[in-house]
Amino acid sequence: MVTPFASRRRFAQLVRFSELSPHQARSGLACLRDIIAKQGWPPLIWTRTDGYKFCSDTTELQAYEVAVIRAKLTEIRRFITGVVIPHQALQPKGRWINHLNTQLSSVESTLDVIADYIEV
C-alpha cells in the first residue's frame, strides 16, 4: 500500500527530475489526460493511496468521479456564498449577477444530485 506521503514524494520527484515547477508538472499531467482521452486509453486518475494511475475498473472510476464532483460542489458552494451572494446584496437589480446566481444555482443543484448518487 502506498501512503499519501509516498504519493506526494513521487510528485516531488517528478518535479525535481523534470526540472519543472509544480504548476508546470500539473499542467503537463492535465495535457497528458487530454492525449490519453484522444487515444482511447484508460483514464488517468489520482488517489491518495496510489497516486496517479491508469484505471479501467468501473467501480473505482465511479468512486473517483463522485469524489471529484463532491470537491467541485464544495468549491462552487463556497464561491456562491463568499462572492456571488455578497455581490448580489450590493447590486440586487444587477442583470449580470442575477443571471450568474441563477446559473450557478442550477449547476449546484445538478452536482448535488450526482454527489449523492449511490448505485443500487
PDB file of N, CA and C in Angstrom:
ATOM      1  N   MET A   1       0.842  -1.188   0.000  1.00  0.00           N
ATOM      2  CA  MET A   1       0.000   0.000   0.000  1.00  0.00           C
ATOM      3  C   MET A   1       0.881   1.243   0.000  1.00  0.00           C
ATOM      4  N   VAL A   2       0.522   2.209  -0.854  1.00  0.00           N
ATOM      5  CA  VAL A   2       1.268   3.447  -0.947  1.00  0.00           C
ATOM      6  C   VAL A   2       0.608   4.480  -0.048  1.00  0.00           C
ATOM      7  N   THR A   3       1.394   5.122   0.788  1.00  0.00           N
ATOM      8  CA  THR A   3       0.844   6.121   1.704  1.00  0.00           C
ATOM      9  C   THR A   3       0.681   7.451   0.977  1.00  0.00           C
ATOM     10  N   PRO A   4      -0.173   8.358   1.520  1.00  0.00           N
ATOM     11  CA  PRO A   4      -0.299   9.683   0.914  1.00  0.00           C
ATOM     12  C   PRO A   4       1.046  10.399   0.848  1.00  0.00           C
ATOM     13  N   PHE A   5       1.874  10.179   1.858  1.00  0.00           N
ATOM     14  CA  PHE A   5       3.193  10.799   1.858  1.00  0.00           C
ATOM     15  C   PHE A   5       4.009  10.309   0.667  1.00  0.00           C
ATOM     16  N   ALA A   6       3.946   9.006   0.398  1.00  0.00           N
ATOM     17  CA  ALA A   6       4.692   8.454  -0.729  1.00  0.00           C
ATOM     18  C   ALA A   6       4.199   9.038  -2.043  1.00  0.00           C
ATOM     19  N   SER A   7       2.892   9.237  -2.156  1.00  0.00           N
ATOM     20  CA  SER A   7       2.326   9.825  -3.361  1.00  0.00           C
ATOM     21  C   SER A   7       2.843  11.245  -3.567  1.00  0.00           C
ATOM     22  N   ARG A   8       2.871  12.039  -2.489  1.00  0.00           N
ATOM     23  CA  ARG A   8       3.406  13.403  -2.576  1.00  0.00           C
ATOM     24  C   ARG A   8       4.896  13.364  -2.901  1.00  0.00           C
ATOM     25  N   ARG A   9       5.584  12.388  -2.345  1.00  0.00           N
ATOM     26  CA  ARG A   9       7.017  12.260  -2.599  1.00  0.00           C
ATOM     27  C   ARG A   9       7.255  11.944  -4.077  1.00  0.00           C
ATOM     28  N   ARG A  10       6.399  11.105  -4.658  1.00  0.00           N
ATOM     29  CA  ARG A  10       6.544  10.791  -6.085  1.00  0.00           C
ATOM     30  C   ARG A  10       6.334  12.032  -6.948  1.00  0.00           C
ATOM     31  N   PHE A  11       5.326  12.851  -6.583  1.00  0.00           N
ATOM     32  CA  PHE A  11       5.093  14.081  -7.341  1.00  0.00           C
ATOM     33  C   PHE A  11       6.297  15.001  -7.202  1.00  0.00           C
ATOM     34  N   ALA A  12       6.834  15.104  -5.996  1.00  0.00           N
ATOM     35  CA  ALA A  12       8.029  15.934  -5.784  1.00  0.00           C
ATOM     36  C   ALA A  12       9.193  15.421  -6.627  1.00  0.00           C
ATOM     37  N   GLN A  13       9.319  14.097  -6.751  1.00  0.00           N
ATOM     38  CA  GLN A  13      10.369  13.523  -7.597  1.00  0.00           C
ATOM     39  C   GLN A  13      10.140  13.894  -9.062  1.00  0.00           C
ATOM     40  N   LEU A  14       8.876  13.828  -9.507  1.00  0.00           N
ATOM     41  CA  LEU A  14       8.553  14.208 -10.876  1.00  0.00           C
ATOM     42  C   LEU A  14       8.967  15.653 -11.133  1.00  0.00           C
ATOM     43  N   VAL A  15       8.652  16.528 -10.204  1.00  0.00           N
ATOM     44  CA  VAL A  15       9.010  17.945 -10.334  1.00  0.00           C
ATOM     45  C   VAL A  15      10.524  18.101 -10.383  1.00  0.00           C
ATOM     46  N   ARG A  16      11.203  17.440  -9.471  1.00  0.00           N
ATOM     47  CA  ARG A  16      12.668  17.572  -9.391  1.00  0.00           C
ATOM     48  C   ARG A  16      13.344  17.009 -10.645  1.00  0.00           C
ATOM     49  N   PHE A  17      12.965  15.807 -11.055  1.00  0.00           N
ATOM     50  CA  PHE A  17      13.630  15.166 -12.191  1.00  0.00           C
ATOM     51  C   PHE A  17      13.294  15.838 -13.518  1.00  0.00           C
ATOM     52  N   SER A  18      12.092  16.375 -13.627  1.00  0.00           N
ATOM     53  CA  SER A  18      11.703  17.036 -14.878  1.00  0.00           C
ATOM     54  C   SER A  18      12.193  18.473 -14.950  1.00  0.00           C
ATOM     55  N   GLU A  19      12.643  18.990 -13.795  1.00  0.00           N
ATOM     56  CA  GLU A  19      13.085  20.379 -13.683  1.00  0.00           C
ATOM     57  C   GLU A  19      11.973  21.355 -14.065  1.00  0.00           C
ATOM     58  N   LEU A  20      10.732  20.957 -13.762  1.00  0.00           N
ATOM     59  CA  LEU A  20       9.575  21.810 -13.980  1.00  0.00           C
ATOM     60  C   LEU A  20       9.078  22.324 -12.637  1.00  0.00           C
ATOM     61  N   SER A  21       8.303  23.393 -12.673  1.00  0.00           N
ATOM     62  CA  SER A  21       7.667  23.866 -11.450  1.00  0.00           C
ATOM     63  C   SER A  21       6.487  22.937 -11.152  1.00  0.00           C
ATOM     64  N   PRO A  22       5.990  22.922  -9.920  1.00  0.00           N
ATOM     65  CA  PRO A  22       4.805  22.108  -9.627  1.00  0.00           C
ATOM     66  C   PRO A  22       3.631  22.452 -10.538  1.00  0.00           C
ATOM     67  N   HIS A  23       3.450  23.740 -10.833  1.00  0.00           N
ATOM     68  CA  HIS A  23       2.368  24.154 -11.737  1.00  0.00           C
ATOM     69  C   HIS A  23       2.567  23.557 -13.134  1.00  0.00           C
ATOM     70  N   GLN A  24       3.787  23.607 -13.626  1.00  0.00           N
ATOM     71  CA  GLN A  24       4.067  23.051 -14.952  1.00  0.00           C
ATOM     72  C   GLN A  24       3.848  21.541 -14.968  1.00  0.00           C
ATOM     73  N   ALA A  25       4.237  20.864 -13.908  1.00  0.00           N
ATOM     74  CA  ALA A  25       4.042  19.411 -13.837  1.00  0.00           C
ATOM     75  C   ALA A  25       2.555  19.069 -13.841  1.00  0.00           C
ATOM     76  N   ARG A  26       1.758  19.816 -13.051  1.00  0.00           N
ATOM     77  CA  ARG A  26       0.307  19.575 -13.032  1.00  0.00           C
ATOM     78  C   ARG A  26      -0.313  19.871 -14.395  1.00  0.00           C
ATOM     79  N   SER A  27       0.134  20.945 -15.040  1.00  0.00           N
ATOM     80  CA  SER A  27      -0.365  21.282 -16.376  1.00  0.00           C
ATOM     81  C   SER A  27       0.000  20.186 -17.376  1.00  0.00           C
ATOM     82  N   GLY A  28       1.191  19.640 -17.230  1.00  0.00           N
ATOM     83  CA  GLY A  28       1.610  18.540 -18.102  1.00  0.00           C
ATOM     84  C   GLY A  28       0.755  17.305 -17.895  1.00  0.00           C
ATOM     85  N   LEU A  29       0.422  17.019 -16.645  1.00  0.00           N
ATOM     86  CA  LEU A  29      -0.451  15.879 -16.364  1.00  0.00           C
ATOM     87  C   LEU A  29      -1.843  16.108 -16.949  1.00  0.00           C
ATOM     88  N   ALA A  30      -2.329  17.349 -16.897  1.00  0.00           N
ATOM     89  CA  ALA A  30      -3.629  17.673 -17.500  1.00  0.00           C
ATOM     90  C   ALA A  30      -3.571  17.479 -19.009  1.00  0.00           C
ATOM     91  N   CYS A  31      -2.481  17.905 -19.626  1.00  0.00           N
ATOM     92  CA  CYS A  31      -2.300  17.702 -21.067  1.00  0.00           C
ATOM     93  C   CYS A  31      -2.231  16.214 -21.385  1.00  0.00           C
ATOM     94  N   LEU A  32      -1.546  15.462 -20.546  1.00  0.00           N
ATOM     95  CA  LEU A  32      -1.456  14.015 -20.722  1.00  0.00           C
ATOM     96  C   LEU A  32      -2.844  13.382 -20.686  1.00  0.00           C
ATOM     97  N   ARG A  33      -3.705  13.868 -19.785  1.00  0.00           N
ATOM     98  CA  ARG A  33      -5.077  13.349 -19.720  1.00  0.00           C
ATOM     99  C   ARG A  33      -5.811  13.584 -21.039  1.00  0.00           C
ATOM    100  N   ASP A  34      -5.602  14.749 -21.650  1.00  0.00           N
ATOM    101  CA  ASP A  34      -6.232  15.034 -22.947  1.00  0.00           C
ATOM    102  C   ASP A  34      -5.738  14.067 -24.020  1.00  0.00           C
ATOM    103  N   ILE A  35      -4.449  13.821 -24.035  1.00  0.00           N
ATOM    104  CA  ILE A  35      -3.868  12.894 -25.010  1.00  0.00           C
ATOM    105  C   ILE A  35      -4.401  11.484 -24.788  1.00  0.00           C
ATOM    106  N   ILE A  36      -4.457  11.067 -23.526  1.00  0.00           N
ATOM    107  CA  ILE A  36      -4.967   9.741 -23.173  1.00  0.00           C
ATOM    108  C   ILE A  36      -6.397   9.574 -23.669  1.00  0.00           C
ATOM    109  N   ALA A  37      -7.220  10.606 -23.480  1.00  0.00           N
ATOM    110  CA  ALA A  37      -8.618  10.548 -23.920  1.00  0.00           C
ATOM    111  C   ALA A  37      -8.692  10.429 -25.441  1.00  0.00           C
ATOM    112  N   LYS A  38      -7.867  11.198 -26.156  1.00  0.00           N
ATOM    113  CA  LYS A  38      -7.874  11.144 -27.620  1.00  0.00           C
ATOM    114  C   LYS A  38      -7.431   9.774 -28.132  1.00  0.00           C
ATOM    115  N   GLN A  39      -6.526   9.127 -27.406  1.00  0.00           N
ATOM    116  CA  GLN A  39      -6.015   7.821 -27.823  1.00  0.00           C
ATOM    117  C   GLN A  39      -6.944   6.673 -27.426  1.00  0.00           C
ATOM    118  N   GLY A  40      -7.943   6.978 -26.574  1.00  0.00           N
ATOM    119  CA  GLY A  40      -8.870   5.935 -26.136  1.00  0.00           C
ATOM    120  C   GLY A  40      -8.285   5.029 -25.058  1.00  0.00           C
ATOM    121  N   TRP A  41      -7.267   5.497 -24.360  1.00  0.00           N
ATOM    122  CA  TRP A  41      -6.652   4.709 -23.290  1.00  0.00           C
ATOM    123  C   TRP A  41      -7.492   4.802 -22.025  1.00  0.00           C
ATOM    124  N   PRO A  42      -7.253   3.927 -21.057  1.00  0.00           N
ATOM    125  CA  PRO A  42      -7.976   4.039 -19.780  1.00  0.00           C
ATOM    126  C   PRO A  42      -7.659   5.379 -19.108  1.00  0.00           C
ATOM    127  N   PRO A  43      -8.621   5.944 -18.380  1.00  0.00           N
ATOM    128  CA  PRO A  43      -8.406   7.243 -17.742  1.00  0.00           C
ATOM    129  C   PRO A  43      -7.255   7.230 -16.740  1.00  0.00           C
ATOM    130  N   LEU A  44      -6.604   8.370 -16.618  1.00  0.00           N
ATOM    131  CA  LEU A  44      -5.566   8.584 -15.621  1.00  0.00           C
ATOM    132  C   LEU A  44      -6.240   9.250 -14.432  1.00  0.00           C
ATOM    133  N   ILE A  45      -6.211   8.599 -13.279  1.00  0.00           N
ATOM    134  CA  ILE A  45      -6.839   9.155 -12.076  1.00  0.00           C
ATOM    135  C   ILE A  45      -5.782   9.297 -10.991  1.00  0.00           C
ATOM    136  N   TRP A  46      -6.125  10.048  -9.952  1.00  0.00           N
ATOM    137  CA  TRP A  46      -5.229  10.221  -8.809  1.00  0.00           C
ATOM    138  C   TRP A  46      -5.976   9.850  -7.545  1.00  0.00           C
ATOM    139  N   THR A  47      -5.361   9.002  -6.734  1.00  0.00           N
ATOM    140  CA  THR A  47      -5.914   8.658  -5.429  1.00  0.00           C
ATOM    141  C   THR A  47      -4.826   8.866  -4.379  1.00  0.00           C
ATOM    142  N   ARG A  48      -5.253   9.078  -3.148  1.00  0.00           N
ATOM    143  CA  ARG A  48      -4.277   9.262  -2.066  1.00  0.00           C
ATOM    144  C   ARG A  48      -3.423   8.012  -1.864  1.00  0.00           C
ATOM    145  N   THR A  49      -4.028   6.862  -2.037  1.00  0.00           N
ATOM    146  CA  THR A  49      -3.291   5.626  -1.761  1.00  0.00           C
ATOM    147  C   THR A  49      -2.330   5.254  -2.883  1.00  0.00           C
ATOM    148  N   ASP A  50      -2.717   5.494  -4.147  1.00  0.00           N
ATOM    149  CA  ASP A  50      -1.905   5.030  -5.271  1.00  0.00           C
ATOM    150  C   ASP A  50      -1.230   6.137  -6.066  1.00  0.00           C
ATOM    151  N   GLY A  51      -1.604   7.390  -5.831  1.00  0.00           N
ATOM    152  CA  GLY A  51      -1.090   8.466  -6.664  1.00  0.00           C
ATOM    153  C   GLY A  51      -1.744   8.403  -8.034  1.00  0.00           C
ATOM    154  N   TYR A  52      -1.004   8.758  -9.092  1.00  0.00           N
ATOM    155  CA  TYR A  52      -1.540   8.709 -10.454  1.00  0.00           C
ATOM    156  C   TYR A  52      -1.475   7.291 -10.972  1.00  0.00           C
ATOM    157  N   LYS A  53      -2.540   6.882 -11.669  1.00  0.00           N
ATOM    158  CA  LYS A  53      -2.543   5.550 -12.274  1.00  0.00           C
ATOM    159  C   LYS A  53      -3.611   5.479 -13.349  1.00  0.00           C
ATOM    160  N   PHE A  54      -3.402   4.573 -14.297  1.00  0.00           N
ATOM    161  CA  PHE A  54      -4.434   4.268 -15.278  1.00  0.00           C
ATOM    162  C   PHE A  54      -5.463   3.378 -14.599  1.00  0.00           C
ATOM    163  N   CYS A  55      -6.738   3.579 -14.926  1.00  0.00           N
ATOM    164  CA  CYS A  55      -7.778   2.801 -14.265  1.00  0.00           C
ATOM    165  C   CYS A  55      -8.857   2.406 -15.262  1.00  0.00           C
ATOM    166  N   SER A  56      -9.209   1.134 -15.257  1.00  0.00           N
ATOM    167  CA  SER A  56     -10.327   0.686 -16.085  1.00  0.00           C
ATOM    168  C   SER A  56     -11.386  -0.038 -15.268  1.00  0.00           C
ATOM    169  N   ASP A  57     -11.269  -0.003 -13.952  1.00  0.00           N
ATOM    170  CA  ASP A  57     -12.271  -0.588 -13.066  1.00  0.00           C
ATOM    171  C   ASP A  57     -13.422   0.407 -12.918  1.00  0.00           C
ATOM    172  N   THR A  58     -14.615   0.033 -13.412  1.00  0.00           N
ATOM    173  CA  THR A  58     -15.742   0.973 -13.418  1.00  0.00           C
ATOM    174  C   THR A  58     -16.164   1.399 -12.016  1.00  0.00           C
ATOM    175  N   THR A  59     -16.067   0.515 -11.040  1.00  0.00           N
ATOM    176  CA  THR A  59     -16.431   0.875  -9.665  1.00  0.00           C
ATOM    177  C   THR A  59     -15.461   1.916  -9.121  1.00  0.00           C
ATOM    178  N   GLU A  60     -14.188   1.717  -9.367  1.00  0.00           N
ATOM    179  CA  GLU A  60     -13.177   2.668  -8.908  1.00  0.00           C
ATOM    180  C   GLU A  60     -13.301   4.007  -9.643  1.00  0.00           C
ATOM    181  N   LEU A  61     -13.602   3.945 -10.940  1.00  0.00           N
ATOM    182  CA  LEU A  61     -13.795   5.182 -11.702  1.00  0.00           C
ATOM    183  C   LEU A  61     -14.993   5.973 -11.186  1.00  0.00           C
ATOM    184  N   GLN A  62     -16.091   5.269 -10.887  1.00  0.00           N
ATOM    185  CA  GLN A  62     -17.274   5.952 -10.369  1.00  0.00           C
ATOM    186  C   GLN A  62     -16.971   6.599  -9.015  1.00  0.00           C
ATOM    187  N   ALA A  63     -16.257   5.906  -8.162  1.00  0.00           N
ATOM    188  CA  ALA A  63     -15.894   6.469  -6.863  1.00  0.00           C
ATOM    189  C   ALA A  63     -15.031   7.715  -7.052  1.00  0.00           C
ATOM    190  N   TYR A  64     -14.096   7.670  -7.989  1.00  0.00           N
ATOM    191  CA  TYR A  64     -13.237   8.820  -8.285  1.00  0.00           C
ATOM    192  C   TYR A  64     -14.069   9.989  -8.812  1.00  0.00           C
ATOM    193  N   GLU A  65     -14.976   9.690  -9.740  1.00  0.00           N
ATOM    194  CA  GLU A  65     -15.820  10.738 -10.325  1.00  0.00           C
ATOM    195  C   GLU A  65     -16.690  11.411  -9.266  1.00  0.00           C
ATOM    196  N   VAL A  66     -17.295  10.623  -8.399  1.00  0.00           N
ATOM    197  CA  VAL A  66     -18.135  11.187  -7.338  1.00  0.00           C
ATOM    198  C   VAL A  66     -17.293  12.034  -6.390  1.00  0.00           C
ATOM    199  N   ALA A  67     -16.083  11.575  -6.072  1.00  0.00           N
ATOM    200  CA  ALA A  67     -15.202  12.358  -5.194  1.00  0.00           C
ATOM    201  C   ALA A  67     -14.842  13.697  -5.825  1.00  0.00           C
ATOM    202  N   VAL A  68     -14.552  13.702  -7.121  1.00  0.00           N
ATOM    203  CA  VAL A  68     -14.224  14.952  -7.819  1.00  0.00           C
ATOM    204  C   VAL A  68     -15.443  15.866  -7.856  1.00  0.00           C
ATOM    205  N   ILE A  69     -16.614  15.315  -8.133  1.00  0.00           N
ATOM    206  CA  ILE A  69     -17.843  16.108  -8.165  1.00  0.00           C
ATOM    207  C   ILE A  69     -18.109  16.729  -6.794  1.00  0.00           C
ATOM    208  N   ARG A  70     -17.913  15.964  -5.732  1.00  0.00           N
ATOM    209  CA  ARG A  70     -18.127  16.498  -4.383  1.00  0.00           C
ATOM    210  C   ARG A  70     -17.167  17.653  -4.092  1.00  0.00           C
ATOM    211  N   ALA A  71     -15.926  17.528  -4.522  1.00  0.00           N
ATOM    212  CA  ALA A  71     -14.952  18.602  -4.318  1.00  0.00           C
ATOM    213  C   ALA A  71     -15.354  19.852  -5.108  1.00  0.00           C
ATOM    214  N   LYS A  72     -15.789  19.674  -6.352  1.00  0.00           N
ATOM    215  CA  LYS A  72     -16.231  20.807  -7.172  1.00  0.00           C
ATOM    216  C   LYS A  72     -17.489  21.439  -6.594  1.00  0.00           C
ATOM    217  N   LEU A  73     -18.386  20.615  -6.069  1.00  0.00           N
ATOM    218  CA  LEU A  73     -19.606  21.119  -5.448  1.00  0.00           C
ATOM    219  C   LEU A  73     -19.262  22.023  -4.259  1.00  0.00           C
ATOM    220  N   THR A  74     -18.328  21.580  -3.443  1.00  0.00           N
ATOM    221  CA  THR A  74     -17.888  22.392  -2.301  1.00  0.00           C
ATOM    222  C   THR A  74     -17.283  23.703  -2.788  1.00  0.00           C
ATOM    223  N   GLU A  75     -16.468  23.634  -3.819  1.00  0.00           N
ATOM    224  CA  GLU A  75     -15.830  24.827  -4.377  1.00  0.00           C
ATOM    225  C   GLU A  75     -16.884  25.813  -4.899  1.00  0.00           C
ATOM    226  N   ILE A  76     -17.868  25.310  -5.625  1.00  0.00           N
ATOM    227  CA  ILE A  76     -18.913  26.173  -6.177  1.00  0.00           C
ATOM    228  C   ILE A  76     -19.769  26.758  -5.061  1.00  0.00           C
ATOM    229  N   ARG A  77     -20.118  25.957  -4.054  1.00  0.00           N
ATOM    230  CA  ARG A  77     -20.908  26.475  -2.940  1.00  0.00           C
ATOM    231  C   ARG A  77     -20.164  27.604  -2.217  1.00  0.00           C
ATOM    232  N   ARG A  78     -18.883  27.429  -2.010  1.00  0.00           N
ATOM    233  CA  ARG A  78     -18.093  28.472  -1.344  1.00  0.00           C
ATOM    234  C   ARG A  78     -18.006  29.734  -2.192  1.00  0.00           C
ATOM    235  N   PHE A  79     -17.917  29.571  -3.496  1.00  0.00           N
ATOM    236  CA  PHE A  79     -17.893  30.714  -4.406  1.00  0.00           C
ATOM    237  C   PHE A  79     -19.226  31.462  -4.352  1.00  0.00           C
ATOM    238  N   ILE A  80     -20.324  30.706  -4.364  1.00  0.00           N
ATOM    239  CA  ILE A  80     -21.645  31.331  -4.299  1.00  0.00           C
ATOM    240  C   ILE A  80     -21.809  32.101  -2.992  1.00  0.00           C
ATOM    241  N   THR A  81     -21.517  31.450  -1.858  1.00  0.00           N
ATOM    242  CA  THR A  81     -21.740  32.103  -0.565  1.00  0.00           C
ATOM    243  C   THR A  81     -20.712  33.200  -0.274  1.00  0.00           C
ATOM    244  N   GLY A  82     -19.499  33.048  -0.777  1.00  0.00           N
ATOM    245  CA  GLY A  82     -18.450  34.007  -0.457  1.00  0.00           C
ATOM    246  C   GLY A  82     -18.329  35.174  -1.413  1.00  0.00           C
ATOM    247  N   VAL A  83     -18.798  35.000  -2.659  1.00  0.00           N
ATOM    248  CA  VAL A  83     -18.621  36.056  -3.659  1.00  0.00           C
ATOM    249  C   VAL A  83     -19.952  36.463  -4.294  1.00  0.00           C
ATOM    250  N   VAL A  84     -20.680  35.503  -4.824  1.00  0.00           N
ATOM    251  CA  VAL A  84     -21.877  35.821  -5.608  1.00  0.00           C
ATOM    252  C   VAL A  84     -22.974  36.439  -4.744  1.00  0.00           C
ATOM    253  N   ILE A  85     -23.294  35.828  -3.615  1.00  0.00           N
ATOM    254  CA  ILE A  85     -24.361  36.365  -2.757  1.00  0.00           C
ATOM    255  C   ILE A  85     -24.002  37.754  -2.212  1.00  0.00           C
ATOM    256  N   PRO A  86     -22.766  37.980  -1.725  1.00  0.00           N
ATOM    257  CA  PRO A  86     -22.421  39.345  -1.311  1.00  0.00           C
ATOM    258  C   PRO A  86     -22.485  40.350  -2.468  1.00  0.00           C
ATOM    259  N   HIS A  87     -22.091  39.930  -3.669  1.00  0.00           N
ATOM    260  CA  HIS A  87     -22.187  40.811  -4.839  1.00  0.00           C
ATOM    261  C   HIS A  87     -23.645  41.134  -5.127  1.00  0.00           C
ATOM    262  N   GLN A  88     -24.493  40.115  -5.038  1.00  0.00           N
ATOM    263  CA  GLN A  88     -25.918  40.321  -5.294  1.00  0.00           C
ATOM    264  C   GLN A  88     -26.532  41.267  -4.257  1.00  0.00           C
ATOM    265  N   ALA A  89     -26.055  41.207  -3.023  1.00  0.00           N
ATOM    266  CA  ALA A  89     -26.544  42.129  -1.991  1.00  0.00           C
ATOM    267  C   ALA A  89     -26.153  43.572  -2.319  1.00  0.00           C
ATOM    268  N   LEU A  90     -24.989  43.761  -2.942  1.00  0.00           N
ATOM    269  CA  LEU A  90     -24.545  45.098  -3.327  1.00  0.00           C
ATOM    270  C   LEU A  90     -25.272  45.635  -4.561  1.00  0.00           C
ATOM    271  N   GLN A  91     -25.712  44.709  -5.391  1.00  0.00           N
ATOM    272  CA  GLN A  91     -26.328  45.091  -6.666  1.00  0.00           C
ATOM    273  C   GLN A  91     -27.558  44.210  -6.916  1.00  0.00           C
ATOM    274  N   PRO A  92     -28.618  44.346  -6.088  1.00  0.00           N
ATOM    275  CA  PRO A  92     -29.759  43.432  -6.160  1.00  0.00           C
ATOM    276  C   PRO A  92     -30.509  43.430  -7.488  1.00  0.00           C
ATOM    277  N   LYS A  93     -30.414  44.500  -8.264  1.00  0.00           N
ATOM    278  CA  LYS A  93     -31.115  44.549  -9.551  1.00  0.00           C
ATOM    279  C   LYS A  93     -30.180  44.322 -10.729  1.00  0.00           C
ATOM    280  N   GLY A  94     -28.931  43.954 -10.425  1.00  0.00           N
ATOM    281  CA  GLY A  94     -27.950  43.760 -11.491  1.00  0.00           C
ATOM    282  C   GLY A  94     -28.279  42.539 -12.337  1.00  0.00           C
ATOM    283  N   ARG A  95     -28.376  42.771 -13.631  1.00  0.00           N
ATOM    284  CA  ARG A  95     -28.739  41.682 -14.556  1.00  0.00           C
ATOM    285  C   ARG A  95     -27.680  40.578 -14.561  1.00  0.00           C
ATOM    286  N   TRP A  96     -26.412  40.994 -14.609  1.00  0.00           N
ATOM    287  CA  TRP A  96     -25.312  40.025 -14.656  1.00  0.00           C
ATOM    288  C   TRP A  96     -25.312  39.124 -13.417  1.00  0.00           C
ATOM    289  N   ILE A  97     -25.347  39.730 -12.251  1.00  0.00           N
ATOM    290  CA  ILE A  97     -25.207  38.949 -11.025  1.00  0.00           C
ATOM    291  C   ILE A  97     -26.419  38.057 -10.797  1.00  0.00           C
ATOM    292  N   ASN A  98     -27.596  38.525 -11.174  1.00  0.00           N
ATOM    293  CA  ASN A  98     -28.786  37.682 -11.041  1.00  0.00           C
ATOM    294  C   ASN A  98     -28.717  36.485 -11.995  1.00  0.00           C
ATOM    295  N   HIS A  99     -28.245  36.732 -13.209  1.00  0.00           N
ATOM    296  CA  HIS A  99     -28.079  35.632 -14.173  1.00  0.00           C
ATOM    297  C   HIS A  99     -27.025  34.644 -13.664  1.00  0.00           C
ATOM    298  N   LEU A 100     -25.911  35.161 -13.173  1.00  0.00           N
ATOM    299  CA  LEU A 100     -24.847  34.300 -12.646  1.00  0.00           C
ATOM    300  C   LEU A 100     -25.360  33.446 -11.490  1.00  0.00           C
ATOM    301  N   ASN A 101     -26.084  34.059 -10.577  1.00  0.00           N
ATOM    302  CA  ASN A 101     -26.619  33.328  -9.434  1.00  0.00           C
ATOM    303  C   ASN A 101     -27.581  32.231  -9.887  1.00  0.00           C
ATOM    304  N   THR A 102     -28.433  32.535 -10.850  1.00  0.00           N
ATOM    305  CA  THR A 102     -29.377  31.539 -11.367  1.00  0.00           C
ATOM    306  C   THR A 102     -28.637  30.360 -11.993  1.00  0.00           C
ATOM    307  N   GLN A 103     -27.641  30.654 -12.813  1.00  0.00           N
ATOM    308  CA  GLN A 103     -26.898  29.591 -13.497  1.00  0.00           C
ATOM    309  C   GLN A 103     -26.105  28.743 -12.508  1.00  0.00           C
ATOM    310  N   LEU A 104     -25.434  29.393 -11.569  1.00  0.00           N
ATOM    311  CA  LEU A 104     -24.644  28.642 -10.596  1.00  0.00           C
ATOM    312  C   LEU A 104     -25.529  27.814  -9.668  1.00  0.00           C
ATOM    313  N   SER A 105     -26.702  28.317  -9.345  1.00  0.00           N
ATOM    314  CA  SER A 105     -27.634  27.535  -8.531  1.00  0.00           C
ATOM    315  C   SER A 105     -28.068  26.284  -9.268  1.00  0.00           C
ATOM    316  N   SER A 106     -28.244  26.408 -10.579  1.00  0.00           N
ATOM    317  CA  SER A 106     -28.598  25.244 -11.393  1.00  0.00           C
ATOM    318  C   SER A 106     -27.460  24.221 -11.414  1.00  0.00           C
ATOM    319  N   VAL A 107     -26.242  24.711 -11.594  1.00  0.00           N
ATOM    320  CA  VAL A 107     -25.073  23.826 -11.577  1.00  0.00           C
ATOM    321  C   VAL A 107     -24.946  23.151 -10.218  1.00  0.00           C
ATOM    322  N   GLU A 108     -25.112  23.929  -9.162  1.00  0.00           N
ATOM    323  CA  GLU A 108     -25.025  23.387  -7.806  1.00  0.00           C
ATOM    324  C   GLU A 108     -26.050  22.274  -7.600  1.00  0.00           C
ATOM    325  N   SER A 109     -27.258  22.509  -8.052  1.00  0.00           N
ATOM    326  CA  SER A 109     -28.317  21.509  -7.906  1.00  0.00           C
ATOM    327  C   SER A 109     -27.976  20.223  -8.662  1.00  0.00           C
ATOM    328  N   THR A 110     -27.482  20.353  -9.864  1.00  0.00           N
ATOM    329  CA  THR A 110     -27.118  19.182 -10.674  1.00  0.00           C
ATOM    330  C   THR A 110     -25.977  18.406 -10.025  1.00  0.00           C
ATOM    331  N   LEU A 111     -24.944  19.108  -9.579  1.00  0.00           N
ATOM    332  CA  LEU A 111     -23.813  18.441  -8.935  1.00  0.00           C
ATOM    333  C   LEU A 111     -24.231  17.783  -7.629  1.00  0.00           C
ATOM    334  N   ASP A 112     -25.167  18.405  -6.926  1.00  0.00           N
ATOM    335  CA  ASP A 112     -25.653  17.835  -5.669  1.00  0.00           C
ATOM    336  C   ASP A 112     -26.326  16.489  -5.918  1.00  0.00           C
ATOM    337  N   VAL A 113     -27.098  16.389  -6.985  1.00  0.00           N
ATOM    338  CA  VAL A 113     -27.751  15.122  -7.338  1.00  0.00           C
ATOM    339  C   VAL A 113     -26.692  14.060  -7.646  1.00  0.00           C
ATOM    340  N   ILE A 114     -25.671  14.430  -8.405  1.00  0.00           N
ATOM    341  CA  ILE A 114     -24.612  13.484  -8.755  1.00  0.00           C
ATOM    342  C   ILE A 114     -23.825  13.082  -7.518  1.00  0.00           C
ATOM    343  N   ALA A 115     -23.501  14.046  -6.666  1.00  0.00           N
ATOM    344  CA  ALA A 115     -22.697  13.777  -5.472  1.00  0.00           C
ATOM    345  C   ALA A 115     -23.398  12.823  -4.525  1.00  0.00           C
ATOM    346  N   ASP A 116     -24.730  12.853  -4.510  1.00  0.00           N
ATOM    347  CA  ASP A 116     -25.489  11.965  -3.624  1.00  0.00           C
ATOM    348  C   ASP A 116     -25.841  10.643  -4.280  1.00  0.00           C
ATOM    349  N   TYR A 117     -25.377  10.436  -5.503  1.00  0.00           N
ATOM    350  CA  TYR A 117     -25.720   9.224  -6.235  1.00  0.00           C
ATOM    351  C   TYR A 117     -25.088   8.008  -5.567  1.00  0.00           C
ATOM    352  N   ILE A 118     -25.897   7.016  -5.328  1.00  0.00           N
ATOM    353  CA  ILE A 118     -25.428   5.735  -4.801  1.00  0.00           C
ATOM    354  C   ILE A 118     -26.045   4.648  -5.662  1.00  0.00           C
ATOM    355  N   GLU A 119     -25.200   3.842  -6.277  1.00  0.00           N
ATOM    356  CA  GLU A 119     -25.698   2.776  -7.149  1.00  0.00           C
ATOM    357  C   GLU A 119     -26.378   1.692  -6.316  1.00  0.00           C
ATOM    358  N   VAL A 120     -27.565   1.288  -6.750  1.00  0.00           N
ATOM    359  CA  VAL A 120     -28.314   0.247  -6.028  1.00  0.00           C
ATOM    360  C   VAL A 120     -28.137  -1.097  -6.657  1.00  0.00           C
TER     361      VAL A 120
END
